[in-house]
Amino acid sequence: MIGYVTVGTNDFEAALEFYDGLFSSIGVDRLWKHGHMAAWGQSRETPTLCIACPFDGAPASVGNGVMIALRMADTETVDTMHAQAVARGGADEGSPGPRGDHGFYGGYFRDLEGNKICAYVPA
């Protein structure tokens, strides 16, 4: 159902560097960049994560209670994604590990703008 999710940025070049490095660490490439918007994913036919400078010219801001969850292939990829995010200047919001008693495994971080992201493997 989800085609893509977009998070705002106030520093497009820094966000490009952050997400290029973050996603390349798990084998995902940037699919495209046009103006002040870019997307990463497996293909144009699958869900993607985009960054963009707000169209209205106002500063980008983080939504309270908003989180993007990115499904990973395995727990090692969750660990890599979380470690890379923190190494690239993101903030740790919950180290990778099991959550609950149903087999869910996730790691939580915030990007350079404060957007909350979860890398996870479902139960």
PDB file of N, CA and C in Angstrom:
ATOM      1  N   MET A   1       0.803  -1.184   0.000  1.00  0.00           N
ATOM      2  CA  MET A   1       0.000   0.000   0.000  1.00  0.00           C
ATOM      3  C   MET A   1       0.857   1.265   0.000  1.00  0.00           C
ATOM      4  N   ILE A   2       1.955   1.291   0.738  1.00  0.00           N
ATOM      5  CA  ILE A   2       2.791   2.488   0.799  1.00  0.00           C
ATOM      6  C   ILE A   2       3.695   2.519  -0.428  1.00  0.00           C
ATOM      7  N   GLY A   3       3.670   3.650  -1.130  1.00  0.00           N
ATOM      8  CA  GLY A   3       4.536   3.844  -2.287  1.00  0.00           C
ATOM      9  C   GLY A   3       5.863   4.459  -1.896  1.00  0.00           C
ATOM     10  N   TYR A   4       5.785   5.521  -1.084  1.00  0.00           N
ATOM     11  CA  TYR A   4       6.996   6.156  -0.575  1.00  0.00           C
ATOM     12  C   TYR A   4       6.647   6.996   0.645  1.00  0.00           C
ATOM     13  N   VAL A   5       7.677   7.295   1.429  1.00  0.00           N
ATOM     14  CA  VAL A   5       7.565   8.159   2.589  1.00  0.00           C
ATOM     15  C   VAL A   5       8.617   9.239   2.418  1.00  0.00           C
ATOM     16  N   THR A   6       8.249  10.475   2.717  1.00  0.00           N
ATOM     17  CA  THR A   6       9.180  11.594   2.582  1.00  0.00           C
ATOM     18  C   THR A   6       9.401  12.250   3.934  1.00  0.00           C
ATOM     19  N   VAL A   7      10.670  12.536   4.239  1.00  0.00           N
ATOM     20  CA  VAL A   7      11.013  13.321   5.420  1.00  0.00           C
ATOM     21  C   VAL A   7      11.646  14.620   4.938  1.00  0.00           C
ATOM     22  N   GLY A   8      11.380  15.685   5.664  1.00  0.00           N
ATOM     23  CA  GLY A   8      11.908  16.986   5.290  1.00  0.00           C
ATOM     24  C   GLY A   8      13.328  17.182   5.773  1.00  0.00           C
ATOM     25  N   THR A   9      14.039  18.062   5.075  1.00  0.00           N
ATOM     26  CA  THR A   9      15.388  18.425   5.482  1.00  0.00           C
ATOM     27  C   THR A   9      15.602  19.911   5.304  1.00  0.00           C
ATOM     28  N   ASN A  10      16.436  20.473   6.160  1.00  0.00           N
ATOM     29  CA  ASN A  10      16.839  21.869   6.051  1.00  0.00           C
ATOM     30  C   ASN A  10      18.239  21.993   5.458  1.00  0.00           C
ATOM     31  N   ASP A  11      18.941  20.860   5.323  1.00  0.00           N
ATOM     32  CA  ASP A  11      20.288  20.840   4.747  1.00  0.00           C
ATOM     33  C   ASP A  11      20.341  19.661   3.778  1.00  0.00           C
ATOM     34  N   PHE A  12      19.935  19.912   2.544  1.00  0.00           N
ATOM     35  CA  PHE A  12      19.792  18.855   1.549  1.00  0.00           C
ATOM     36  C   PHE A  12      21.099  18.103   1.312  1.00  0.00           C
ATOM     37  N   GLU A  13      22.206  18.802   1.172  1.00  0.00           N
ATOM     38  CA  GLU A  13      23.488  18.143   0.889  1.00  0.00           C
ATOM     39  C   GLU A  13      23.919  17.239   2.050  1.00  0.00           C
ATOM     40  N   ALA A  14      23.744  17.696   3.287  1.00  0.00           N
ATOM     41  CA  ALA A  14      24.086  16.858   4.448  1.00  0.00           C
ATOM     42  C   ALA A  14      23.174  15.642   4.514  1.00  0.00           C
ATOM     43  N   ALA A  15      21.890  15.831   4.204  1.00  0.00           N
ATOM     44  CA  ALA A  15      20.952  14.702   4.211  1.00  0.00           C
ATOM     45  C   ALA A  15      21.307  13.694   3.122  1.00  0.00           C
ATOM     46  N   LEU A  16      21.695  14.178   1.932  1.00  0.00           N
ATOM     47  CA  LEU A  16      22.127  13.266   0.863  1.00  0.00           C
ATOM     48  C   LEU A  16      23.300  12.411   1.324  1.00  0.00           C
ATOM     49  N   GLU A  17      24.283  13.048   1.926  1.00  0.00           N
ATOM     50  CA  GLU A  17      25.467  12.325   2.400  1.00  0.00           C
ATOM     51  C   GLU A  17      25.086  11.300   3.472  1.00  0.00           C
ATOM     52  N   PHE A  18      24.235  11.708   4.422  1.00  0.00           N
ATOM     53  CA  PHE A  18      23.793  10.820   5.497  1.00  0.00           C
ATOM     54  C   PHE A  18      23.095   9.589   4.916  1.00  0.00           C
ATOM     55  N   TYR A  19      22.086   9.800   4.086  1.00  0.00           N
ATOM     56  CA  TYR A  19      21.303   8.676   3.565  1.00  0.00           C
ATOM     57  C   TYR A  19      22.053   7.863   2.514  1.00  0.00           C
ATOM     58  N   ASP A  20      22.898   8.489   1.688  1.00  0.00           N
ATOM     59  CA  ASP A  20      23.721   7.710   0.761  1.00  0.00           C
ATOM     60  C   ASP A  20      24.596   6.724   1.525  1.00  0.00           C
ATOM     61  N   GLY A  21      25.275   7.207   2.564  1.00  0.00           N
ATOM     62  CA  GLY A  21      26.131   6.331   3.365  1.00  0.00           C
ATOM     63  C   GLY A  21      25.356   5.300   4.147  1.00  0.00           C
ATOM     64  N   LEU A  22      24.249   5.731   4.730  1.00  0.00           N
ATOM     65  CA  LEU A  22      23.421   4.826   5.531  1.00  0.00           C
ATOM     66  C   LEU A  22      22.914   3.672   4.678  1.00  0.00           C
ATOM     67  N   PHE A  23      22.298   3.986   3.557  1.00  0.00           N
ATOM     68  CA  PHE A  23      21.709   2.926   2.736  1.00  0.00           C
ATOM     69  C   PHE A  23      22.764   2.110   1.996  1.00  0.00           C
ATOM     70  N   SER A  24      23.866   2.719   1.587  1.00  0.00           N
ATOM     71  CA  SER A  24      24.901   1.920   0.917  1.00  0.00           C
ATOM     72  C   SER A  24      25.482   0.874   1.862  1.00  0.00           C
ATOM     73  N   SER A  25      25.432   1.139   3.173  1.00  0.00           N
ATOM     74  CA  SER A  25      25.962   0.168   4.142  1.00  0.00           C
ATOM     75  C   SER A  25      25.146  -1.121   4.170  1.00  0.00           C
ATOM     76  N   ILE A  26      23.923  -1.080   3.641  1.00  0.00           N
ATOM     77  CA  ILE A  26      23.092  -2.295   3.584  1.00  0.00           C
ATOM     78  C   ILE A  26      22.761  -2.671   2.134  1.00  0.00           C
ATOM     79  N   GLY A  27      23.510  -2.110   1.176  1.00  0.00           N
ATOM     80  CA  GLY A  27      23.356  -2.496  -0.218  1.00  0.00           C
ATOM     81  C   GLY A  27      22.185  -1.867  -0.952  1.00  0.00           C
ATOM     82  N   VAL A  28      21.710  -0.716  -0.481  1.00  0.00           N
ATOM     83  CA  VAL A  28      20.601  -0.024  -1.145  1.00  0.00           C
ATOM     84  C   VAL A  28      21.138   1.276  -1.747  1.00  0.00           C
ATOM     85  N   ASP A  29      20.834   1.496  -3.024  1.00  0.00           N
ATOM     86  CA  ASP A  29      21.327   2.672  -3.730  1.00  0.00           C
ATOM     87  C   ASP A  29      20.274   3.779  -3.819  1.00  0.00           C
ATOM     88  N   ARG A  30      20.762   4.993  -4.056  1.00  0.00           N
ATOM     89  CA  ARG A  30      19.851   6.093  -4.355  1.00  0.00           C
ATOM     90  C   ARG A  30      19.248   5.811  -5.724  1.00  0.00           C
ATOM     91  N   LEU A  31      17.930   5.920  -5.823  1.00  0.00           N
ATOM     92  CA  LEU A  31      17.240   5.666  -7.082  1.00  0.00           C
ATOM     93  C   LEU A  31      17.226   6.896  -7.979  1.00  0.00           C
ATOM     94  N   TRP A  32      17.049   8.077  -7.367  1.00  0.00           N
ATOM     95  CA  TRP A  32      17.008   9.288  -8.160  1.00  0.00           C
ATOM     96  C   TRP A  32      17.186  10.524  -7.282  1.00  0.00           C
ATOM     97  N   LYS A  33      17.542  11.606  -7.924  1.00  0.00           N
ATOM     98  CA  LYS A  33      17.629  12.925  -7.295  1.00  0.00           C
ATOM     99  C   LYS A  33      17.144  13.933  -8.324  1.00  0.00           C
ATOM    100  N   HIS A  34      16.246  14.795  -7.914  1.00  0.00           N
ATOM    101  CA  HIS A  34      15.741  15.844  -8.791  1.00  0.00           C
ATOM    102  C   HIS A  34      15.545  17.106  -7.953  1.00  0.00           C
ATOM    103  N   GLY A  35      16.260  18.144  -8.299  1.00  0.00           N
ATOM    104  CA  GLY A  35      16.160  19.374  -7.520  1.00  0.00           C
ATOM    105  C   GLY A  35      16.538  19.113  -6.072  1.00  0.00           C
ATOM    106  N   HIS A  36      15.627  19.431  -5.157  1.00  0.00           N
ATOM    107  CA  HIS A  36      15.863  19.223  -3.728  1.00  0.00           C
ATOM    108  C   HIS A  36      15.033  18.071  -3.191  1.00  0.00           C
ATOM    109  N   MET A  37      14.992  16.959  -3.960  1.00  0.00           N
ATOM    110  CA  MET A  37      14.314  15.741  -3.524  1.00  0.00           C
ATOM    111  C   MET A  37      15.117  14.551  -4.039  1.00  0.00           C
ATOM    112  N   ALA A  38      15.199  13.507  -3.232  1.00  0.00           N
ATOM    113  CA  ALA A  38      15.918  12.289  -3.621  1.00  0.00           C
ATOM    114  C   ALA A  38      15.239  11.089  -2.968  1.00  0.00           C
ATOM    115  N   ALA A  39      15.465   9.900  -3.556  1.00  0.00           N
ATOM    116  CA  ALA A  39      14.826   8.677  -3.040  1.00  0.00           C
ATOM    117  C   ALA A  39      15.783   7.504  -3.052  1.00  0.00           C
ATOM    118  N   TRP A  40      15.612   6.616  -2.051  1.00  0.00           N
ATOM    119  CA  TRP A  40      16.384   5.376  -1.936  1.00  0.00           C
ATOM    120  C   TRP A  40      15.417   4.211  -1.831  1.00  0.00           C
ATOM    121  N   GLY A  41      15.806   3.079  -2.414  1.00  0.00           N
ATOM    122  CA  GLY A  41      14.983   1.881  -2.330  1.00  0.00           C
ATOM    123  C   GLY A  41      15.530   0.798  -3.231  1.00  0.00           C
ATOM    124  N   GLN A  42      14.811  -0.307  -3.283  1.00  0.00           N
ATOM    125  CA  GLN A  42      15.217  -1.437  -4.111  1.00  0.00           C
ATOM    126  C   GLN A  42      14.938  -1.187  -5.581  1.00  0.00           C
ATOM    127  N   SER A  43      13.821  -0.517  -5.876  1.00  0.00           N
ATOM    128  CA  SER A  43      13.446  -0.213  -7.256  1.00  0.00           C
ATOM    129  C   SER A  43      12.355   0.848  -7.236  1.00  0.00           C
ATOM    130  N   ARG A  44      12.017   1.369  -8.397  1.00  0.00           N
ATOM    131  CA  ARG A  44      10.932   2.347  -8.496  1.00  0.00           C
ATOM    132  C   ARG A  44       9.565   1.687  -8.321  1.00  0.00           C
ATOM    133  N   GLU A  45       9.529   0.360  -8.346  1.00  0.00           N
ATOM    134  CA  GLU A  45       8.271  -0.368  -8.189  1.00  0.00           C
ATOM    135  C   GLU A  45       8.005  -0.798  -6.746  1.00  0.00           C
ATOM    136  N   THR A  46       8.952  -0.550  -5.838  1.00  0.00           N
ATOM    137  CA  THR A  46       8.791  -0.924  -4.433  1.00  0.00           C
ATOM    138  C   THR A  46       8.831   0.342  -3.569  1.00  0.00           C
ATOM    139  N   PRO A  47       8.376   0.261  -2.320  1.00  0.00           N
ATOM    140  CA  PRO A  47       8.383   1.451  -1.460  1.00  0.00           C
ATOM    141  C   PRO A  47       9.772   2.069  -1.328  1.00  0.00           C
ATOM    142  N   THR A  48       9.808   3.396  -1.257  1.00  0.00           N
ATOM    143  CA  THR A  48      11.062   4.126  -1.132  1.00  0.00           C
ATOM    144  C   THR A  48      10.984   5.138   0.006  1.00  0.00           C
ATOM    145  N   LEU A  49      12.160   5.557   0.463  1.00  0.00           N
ATOM    146  CA  LEU A  49      12.275   6.645   1.424  1.00  0.00           C
ATOM    147  C   LEU A  49      12.835   7.842   0.672  1.00  0.00           C
ATOM    148  N   CYS A  50      12.173   8.971   0.792  1.00  0.00           N
ATOM    149  CA  CYS A  50      12.589  10.197   0.112  1.00  0.00           C
ATOM    150  C   CYS A  50      12.963  11.260   1.138  1.00  0.00           C
ATOM    151  N   ILE A  51      13.836  12.166   0.710  1.00  0.00           N
ATOM    152  CA  ILE A  51      14.105  13.381   1.465  1.00  0.00           C
ATOM    153  C   ILE A  51      13.733  14.548   0.569  1.00  0.00           C
ATOM    154  N   ALA A  52      13.337  15.654   1.170  1.00  0.00           N
ATOM    155  CA  ALA A  52      12.988  16.832   0.387  1.00  0.00           C
ATOM    156  C   ALA A  52      13.071  18.084   1.237  1.00  0.00           C
ATOM    157  N   CYS A  53      13.471  19.175   0.619  1.00  0.00           N
ATOM    158  CA  CYS A  53      13.294  20.485   1.230  1.00  0.00           C
ATOM    159  C   CYS A  53      11.812  20.814   1.078  1.00  0.00           C
ATOM    160  N   PRO A  54      11.170  21.336   2.109  1.00  0.00           N
ATOM    161  CA  PRO A  54       9.741  21.619   2.011  1.00  0.00           C
ATOM    162  C   PRO A  54       9.397  22.516   0.815  1.00  0.00           C
ATOM    163  N   PHE A  55       8.376  22.127   0.099  1.00  0.00           N
ATOM    164  CA  PHE A  55       7.938  22.837  -1.100  1.00  0.00           C
ATOM    165  C   PHE A  55       7.509  24.262  -0.784  1.00  0.00           C
ATOM    166  N   ASP A  56       6.917  24.473   0.394  1.00  0.00           N
ATOM    167  CA  ASP A  56       6.412  25.804   0.733  1.00  0.00           C
ATOM    168  C   ASP A  56       7.500  26.775   1.198  1.00  0.00           C
ATOM    169  N   GLY A  57       8.751  26.289   1.288  1.00  0.00           N
ATOM    170  CA  GLY A  57       9.857  27.153   1.685  1.00  0.00           C
ATOM    171  C   GLY A  57      10.013  27.351   3.181  1.00  0.00           C
ATOM    172  N   ALA A  58       9.052  26.873   3.958  1.00  0.00           N
ATOM    173  CA  ALA A  58       9.152  26.962   5.420  1.00  0.00           C
ATOM    174  C   ALA A  58      10.160  25.918   5.911  1.00  0.00           C
ATOM    175  N   PRO A  59      10.692  26.080   7.110  1.00  0.00           N
ATOM    176  CA  PRO A  59      11.640  25.102   7.641  1.00  0.00           C
ATOM    177  C   PRO A  59      11.005  23.719   7.807  1.00  0.00           C
ATOM    178  N   ALA A  60      11.809  22.685   7.546  1.00  0.00           N
ATOM    179  CA  ALA A  60      11.371  21.318   7.815  1.00  0.00           C
ATOM    180  C   ALA A  60      11.296  21.128   9.314  1.00  0.00           C
ATOM    181  N   SER A  61      10.336  20.344   9.783  1.00  0.00           N
ATOM    182  CA  SER A  61      10.215  20.042  11.208  1.00  0.00           C
ATOM    183  C   SER A  61       9.811  18.576  11.368  1.00  0.00           C
ATOM    184  N   VAL A  62      10.008  18.069  12.560  1.00  0.00           N
ATOM    185  CA  VAL A  62       9.739  16.674  12.875  1.00  0.00           C
ATOM    186  C   VAL A  62       8.353  16.550  13.491  1.00  0.00           C
ATOM    187  N   GLY A  63       7.584  15.582  13.062  1.00  0.00           N
ATOM    188  CA  GLY A  63       6.267  15.344  13.633  1.00  0.00           C
ATOM    189  C   GLY A  63       6.379  14.558  14.930  1.00  0.00           C
ATOM    190  N   ASN A  64       5.777  15.060  15.993  1.00  0.00           N
ATOM    191  CA  ASN A  64       5.789  14.364  17.272  1.00  0.00           C
ATOM    192  C   ASN A  64       4.925  13.118  17.174  1.00  0.00           C
ATOM    193  N   GLY A  65       5.505  11.953  17.444  1.00  0.00           N
ATOM    194  CA  GLY A  65       4.789  10.691  17.353  1.00  0.00           C
ATOM    195  C   GLY A  65       4.916  10.029  15.994  1.00  0.00           C
ATOM    196  N   VAL A  66       5.584  10.678  15.053  1.00  0.00           N
ATOM    197  CA  VAL A  66       5.772  10.111  13.723  1.00  0.00           C
ATOM    198  C   VAL A  66       7.049   9.274  13.715  1.00  0.00           C
ATOM    199  N   MET A  67       6.970   8.078  13.132  1.00  0.00           N
ATOM    200  CA  MET A  67       8.139   7.213  12.991  1.00  0.00           C
ATOM    201  C   MET A  67       8.000   6.437  11.697  1.00  0.00           C
ATOM    202  N   ILE A  68       9.103   6.257  11.015  1.00  0.00           N
ATOM    203  CA  ILE A  68       9.138   5.462   9.794  1.00  0.00           C
ATOM    204  C   ILE A  68       9.835   4.157  10.140  1.00  0.00           C
ATOM    205  N   ALA A  69       9.221   3.036   9.771  1.00  0.00           N
ATOM    206  CA  ALA A  69       9.814   1.723  10.017  1.00  0.00           C
ATOM    207  C   ALA A  69      10.252   1.126   8.688  1.00  0.00           C
ATOM    208  N   LEU A  70      11.527   0.744   8.615  1.00  0.00           N
ATOM    209  CA  LEU A  70      12.096   0.163   7.402  1.00  0.00           C
ATOM    210  C   LEU A  70      12.383  -1.315   7.641  1.00  0.00           C
ATOM    211  N   ARG A  71      11.721  -2.171   6.874  1.00  0.00           N
ATOM    212  CA  ARG A  71      11.877  -3.622   7.028  1.00  0.00           C
ATOM    213  C   ARG A  71      13.217  -4.067   6.458  1.00  0.00           C
ATOM    214  N   MET A  72      13.962  -4.807   7.259  1.00  0.00           N
ATOM    215  CA  MET A  72      15.277  -5.305   6.875  1.00  0.00           C
ATOM    216  C   MET A  72      15.219  -6.818   6.647  1.00  0.00           C
ATOM    217  N   ALA A  73      16.235  -7.350   5.993  1.00  0.00           N
ATOM    218  CA  ALA A  73      16.279  -8.777   5.663  1.00  0.00           C
ATOM    219  C   ALA A  73      16.577  -9.661   6.874  1.00  0.00           C
ATOM    220  N   ASP A  74      17.384  -9.145   7.819  1.00  0.00           N
ATOM    221  CA  ASP A  74      17.798  -9.952   8.963  1.00  0.00           C
ATOM    222  C   ASP A  74      18.302  -9.045  10.082  1.00  0.00           C
ATOM    223  N   THR A  75      18.573  -9.641  11.243  1.00  0.00           N
ATOM    224  CA  THR A  75      18.999  -8.852  12.404  1.00  0.00           C
ATOM    225  C   THR A  75      20.361  -8.194  12.183  1.00  0.00           C
ATOM    226  N   GLU A  76      21.241  -8.836  11.411  1.00  0.00           N
ATOM    227  CA  GLU A  76      22.550  -8.242  11.140  1.00  0.00           C
ATOM    228  C   GLU A  76      22.402  -6.934  10.359  1.00  0.00           C
ATOM    229  N   THR A  77      21.441  -6.881   9.454  1.00  0.00           N
ATOM    230  CA  THR A  77      21.210  -5.659   8.685  1.00  0.00           C
ATOM    231  C   THR A  77      20.632  -4.572   9.576  1.00  0.00           C
ATOM    232  N   VAL A  78      19.777  -4.936  10.517  1.00  0.00           N
ATOM    233  CA  VAL A  78      19.269  -3.976  11.501  1.00  0.00           C
ATOM    234  C   VAL A  78      20.444  -3.390  12.282  1.00  0.00           C
ATOM    235  N   ASP A  79      21.321  -4.262  12.759  1.00  0.00           N
ATOM    236  CA  ASP A  79      22.487  -3.819  13.530  1.00  0.00           C
ATOM    237  C   ASP A  79      23.357  -2.859  12.708  1.00  0.00           C
ATOM    238  N   THR A  80      23.597  -3.202  11.435  1.00  0.00           N
ATOM    239  CA  THR A  80      24.411  -2.362  10.557  1.00  0.00           C
ATOM    240  C   THR A  80      23.762  -1.009  10.337  1.00  0.00           C
ATOM    241  N   MET A  81      22.479  -1.009  10.031  1.00  0.00           N
ATOM    242  CA  MET A  81      21.758   0.237   9.768  1.00  0.00           C
ATOM    243  C   MET A  81      21.818   1.156  10.984  1.00  0.00           C
ATOM    244  N   HIS A  82      21.553   0.612  12.169  1.00  0.00           N
ATOM    245  CA  HIS A  82      21.565   1.414  13.388  1.00  0.00           C
ATOM    246  C   HIS A  82      22.968   1.967  13.645  1.00  0.00           C
ATOM    247  N   ALA A  83      23.984   1.124  13.554  1.00  0.00           N
ATOM    248  CA  ALA A  83      25.364   1.555  13.807  1.00  0.00           C
ATOM    249  C   ALA A  83      25.787   2.635  12.816  1.00  0.00           C
ATOM    250  N   GLN A  84      25.436   2.480  11.556  1.00  0.00           N
ATOM    251  CA  GLN A  84      25.791   3.472  10.547  1.00  0.00           C
ATOM    252  C   GLN A  84      25.078   4.797  10.790  1.00  0.00           C
ATOM    253  N   ALA A  85      23.825   4.738  11.181  1.00  0.00           N
ATOM    254  CA  ALA A  85      23.082   5.966  11.453  1.00  0.00           C
ATOM    255  C   ALA A  85      23.756   6.767  12.566  1.00  0.00           C
ATOM    256  N   VAL A  86      24.115   6.101  13.644  1.00  0.00           N
ATOM    257  CA  VAL A  86      24.750   6.778  14.777  1.00  0.00           C
ATOM    258  C   VAL A  86      26.144   7.276  14.385  1.00  0.00           C
ATOM    259  N   ALA A  87      26.901   6.459  13.633  1.00  0.00           N
ATOM    260  CA  ALA A  87      28.247   6.848  13.202  1.00  0.00           C
ATOM    261  C   ALA A  87      28.212   8.057  12.276  1.00  0.00           C
ATOM    262  N   ARG A  88      27.122   8.261  11.571  1.00  0.00           N
ATOM    263  CA  ARG A  88      27.003   9.362  10.620  1.00  0.00           C
ATOM    264  C   ARG A  88      26.360  10.602  11.230  1.00  0.00           C
ATOM    265  N   GLY A  89      26.220  10.609  12.554  1.00  0.00           N
ATOM    266  CA  GLY A  89      25.708  11.793  13.234  1.00  0.00           C
ATOM    267  C   GLY A  89      24.265  11.704  13.675  1.00  0.00           C
ATOM    268  N   GLY A  90      23.606  10.569  13.403  1.00  0.00           N
ATOM    269  CA  GLY A  90      22.248  10.367  13.886  1.00  0.00           C
ATOM    270  C   GLY A  90      22.268  10.080  15.383  1.00  0.00           C
ATOM    271  N   ALA A  91      21.110  10.086  16.004  1.00  0.00           N
ATOM    272  CA  ALA A  91      21.010   9.850  17.447  1.00  0.00           C
ATOM    273  C   ALA A  91      20.389   8.485  17.724  1.00  0.00           C
ATOM    274  N   ASP A  92      20.933   7.790  18.700  1.00  0.00           N
ATOM    275  CA  ASP A  92      20.389   6.504  19.135  1.00  0.00           C
ATOM    276  C   ASP A  92      19.072   6.733  19.858  1.00  0.00           C
ATOM    277  N   GLU A  93      18.036   6.040  19.429  1.00  0.00           N
ATOM    278  CA  GLU A  93      16.721   6.123  20.084  1.00  0.00           C
ATOM    279  C   GLU A  93      16.299   4.765  20.632  1.00  0.00           C
ATOM    280  N   GLY A  94      17.209   3.804  20.635  1.00  0.00           N
ATOM    281  CA  GLY A  94      16.926   2.460  21.135  1.00  0.00           C
ATOM    282  C   GLY A  94      17.792   1.453  20.406  1.00  0.00           C
ATOM    283  N   SER A  95      18.785   0.923  21.098  1.00  0.00           N
ATOM    284  CA  SER A  95      19.716  -0.019  20.481  1.00  0.00           C
ATOM    285  C   SER A  95      18.993  -1.222  19.899  1.00  0.00           C
ATOM    286  N   PRO A  96      19.574  -1.824  18.849  1.00  0.00           N
ATOM    287  CA  PRO A  96      18.953  -2.994  18.245  1.00  0.00           C
ATOM    288  C   PRO A  96      18.790  -4.130  19.245  1.00  0.00           C
ATOM    289  N   GLY A  97      17.671  -4.812  19.131  1.00  0.00           N
ATOM    290  CA  GLY A  97      17.410  -5.960  19.987  1.00  0.00           C
ATOM    291  C   GLY A  97      15.966  -6.394  19.879  1.00  0.00           C
ATOM    292  N   PRO A  98      15.649  -7.509  20.538  1.00  0.00           N
ATOM    293  CA  PRO A  98      14.263  -7.984  20.511  1.00  0.00           C
ATOM    294  C   PRO A  98      13.362  -7.048  21.304  1.00  0.00           C
ATOM    295  N   ARG A  99      12.142  -6.932  20.838  1.00  0.00           N
ATOM    296  CA  ARG A  99      11.128  -6.135  21.522  1.00  0.00           C
ATOM    297  C   ARG A  99       9.929  -7.034  21.764  1.00  0.00           C
ATOM    298  N   GLY A 100       9.487  -7.083  22.991  1.00  0.00           N
ATOM    299  CA  GLY A 100       8.347  -7.930  23.329  1.00  0.00           C
ATOM    300  C   GLY A 100       8.705  -9.407  23.279  1.00  0.00           C
ATOM    301  N   ASP A 101       7.696 -10.241  23.307  1.00  0.00           N
ATOM    302  CA  ASP A 101       7.943 -11.691  23.338  1.00  0.00           C
ATOM    303  C   ASP A 101       7.451 -12.372  22.057  1.00  0.00           C
ATOM    304  N   HIS A 102       7.322 -11.609  20.981  1.00  0.00           N
ATOM    305  CA  HIS A 102       6.774 -12.160  19.756  1.00  0.00           C
ATOM    306  C   HIS A 102       7.785 -12.236  18.604  1.00  0.00           C
ATOM    307  N   GLY A 103       9.069 -12.002  18.862  1.00  0.00           N
ATOM    308  CA  GLY A 103      10.100 -12.174  17.856  1.00  0.00           C
ATOM    309  C   GLY A 103      10.462 -10.934  17.060  1.00  0.00           C
ATOM    310  N   PHE A 104       9.827  -9.797  17.331  1.00  0.00           N
ATOM    311  CA  PHE A 104      10.163  -8.546  16.643  1.00  0.00           C
ATOM    312  C   PHE A 104      11.557  -8.103  17.071  1.00  0.00           C
ATOM    313  N   TYR A 105      12.386  -7.657  16.122  1.00  0.00           N
ATOM    314  CA  TYR A 105      13.738  -7.186  16.397  1.00  0.00           C
ATOM    315  C   TYR A 105      13.885  -5.820  15.738  1.00  0.00           C
ATOM    316  N   GLY A 106      14.237  -4.806  16.513  1.00  0.00           N
ATOM    317  CA  GLY A 106      14.336  -3.462  15.937  1.00  0.00           C
ATOM    318  C   GLY A 106      15.414  -2.620  16.570  1.00  0.00           C
ATOM    319  N   GLY A 107      15.880  -1.652  15.811  1.00  0.00           N
ATOM    320  CA  GLY A 107      16.816  -0.640  16.274  1.00  0.00           C
ATOM    321  C   GLY A 107      16.276   0.718  15.860  1.00  0.00           C
ATOM    322  N   TYR A 108      16.321   1.685  16.758  1.00  0.00           N
ATOM    323  CA  TYR A 108      15.695   2.984  16.543  1.00  0.00           C
ATOM    324  C   TYR A 108      16.745   4.087  16.546  1.00  0.00           C
ATOM    325  N   PHE A 109      16.594   5.035  15.627  1.00  0.00           N
ATOM    326  CA  PHE A 109      17.515   6.171  15.572  1.00  0.00           C
ATOM    327  C   PHE A 109      16.795   7.376  14.982  1.00  0.00           C
ATOM    328  N   ARG A 110      17.436   8.536  15.142  1.00  0.00           N
ATOM    329  CA  ARG A 110      16.956   9.769  14.510  1.00  0.00           C
ATOM    330  C   ARG A 110      18.003  10.219  13.505  1.00  0.00           C
ATOM    331  N   ASP A 111      17.538  10.712  12.361  1.00  0.00           N
ATOM    332  CA  ASP A 111      18.458  11.221  11.352  1.00  0.00           C
ATOM    333  C   ASP A 111      18.970  12.601  11.755  1.00  0.00           C
ATOM    334  N   LEU A 112      19.664  13.268  10.866  1.00  0.00           N
ATOM    335  CA  LEU A 112      20.270  14.565  11.177  1.00  0.00           C
ATOM    336  C   LEU A 112      19.249  15.647  11.483  1.00  0.00           C
ATOM    337  N   GLU A 113      18.024  15.505  10.987  1.00  0.00           N
ATOM    338  CA  GLU A 113      16.959  16.489  11.230  1.00  0.00           C
ATOM    339  C   GLU A 113      16.098  16.122  12.432  1.00  0.00           C
ATOM    340  N   GLY A 114      16.296  14.912  12.984  1.00  0.00           N
ATOM    341  CA  GLY A 114      15.510  14.463  14.128  1.00  0.00           C
ATOM    342  C   GLY A 114      14.356  13.548  13.770  1.00  0.00           C
ATOM    343  N   ASN A 115      14.242  13.150  12.489  1.00  0.00           N
ATOM    344  CA  ASN A 115      13.196  12.207  12.095  1.00  0.00           C
ATOM    345  C   ASN A 115      13.485  10.838  12.691  1.00  0.00           C
ATOM    346  N   LYS A 116      12.483  10.228  13.326  1.00  0.00           N
ATOM    347  CA  LYS A 116      12.669   8.938  13.982  1.00  0.00           C
ATOM    348  C   LYS A 116      12.447   7.809  12.985  1.00  0.00           C
ATOM    349  N   ILE A 117      13.418   6.881  12.967  1.00  0.00           N
ATOM    350  CA  ILE A 117      13.384   5.756  12.040  1.00  0.00           C
ATOM    351  C   ILE A 117      13.667   4.482  12.810  1.00  0.00           C
ATOM    352  N   CYS A 118      12.951   3.424  12.449  1.00  0.00           N
ATOM    353  CA  CYS A 118      13.175   2.099  13.010  1.00  0.00           C
ATOM    354  C   CYS A 118      13.606   1.174  11.890  1.00  0.00           C
ATOM    355  N   ALA A 119      14.715   0.487  12.060  1.00  0.00           N
ATOM    356  CA  ALA A 119      15.104  -0.621  11.178  1.00  0.00           C
ATOM    357  C   ALA A 119      14.661  -1.882  11.923  1.00  0.00           C
ATOM    358  N   TYR A 120      13.907  -2.751  11.253  1.00  0.00           N
ATOM    359  CA  TYR A 120      13.357  -3.894  11.983  1.00  0.00           C
ATOM    360  C   TYR A 120      13.256  -5.162  11.141  1.00  0.00           C
ATOM    361  N   VAL A 121      13.126  -6.256  11.839  1.00  0.00           N
ATOM    362  CA  VAL A 121      12.781  -7.563  11.260  1.00  0.00           C
ATOM    363  C   VAL A 121      11.517  -7.994  11.985  1.00  0.00           C
ATOM    364  N   PRO A 122      10.452  -8.280  11.224  1.00  0.00           N
ATOM    365  CA  PRO A 122       9.192  -8.661  11.880  1.00  0.00           C
ATOM    366  C   PRO A 122       9.296 -10.037  12.504  1.00  0.00           C
ATOM    367  N   ALA A 123       8.314 -10.307  13.332  1.00  0.00           N
ATOM    368  CA  ALA A 123       8.236 -11.622  13.985  1.00  0.00           C
ATOM    369  C   ALA A 123       7.934 -12.685  12.958  1.00  0.00           C
TER     370      ALA A 123
END
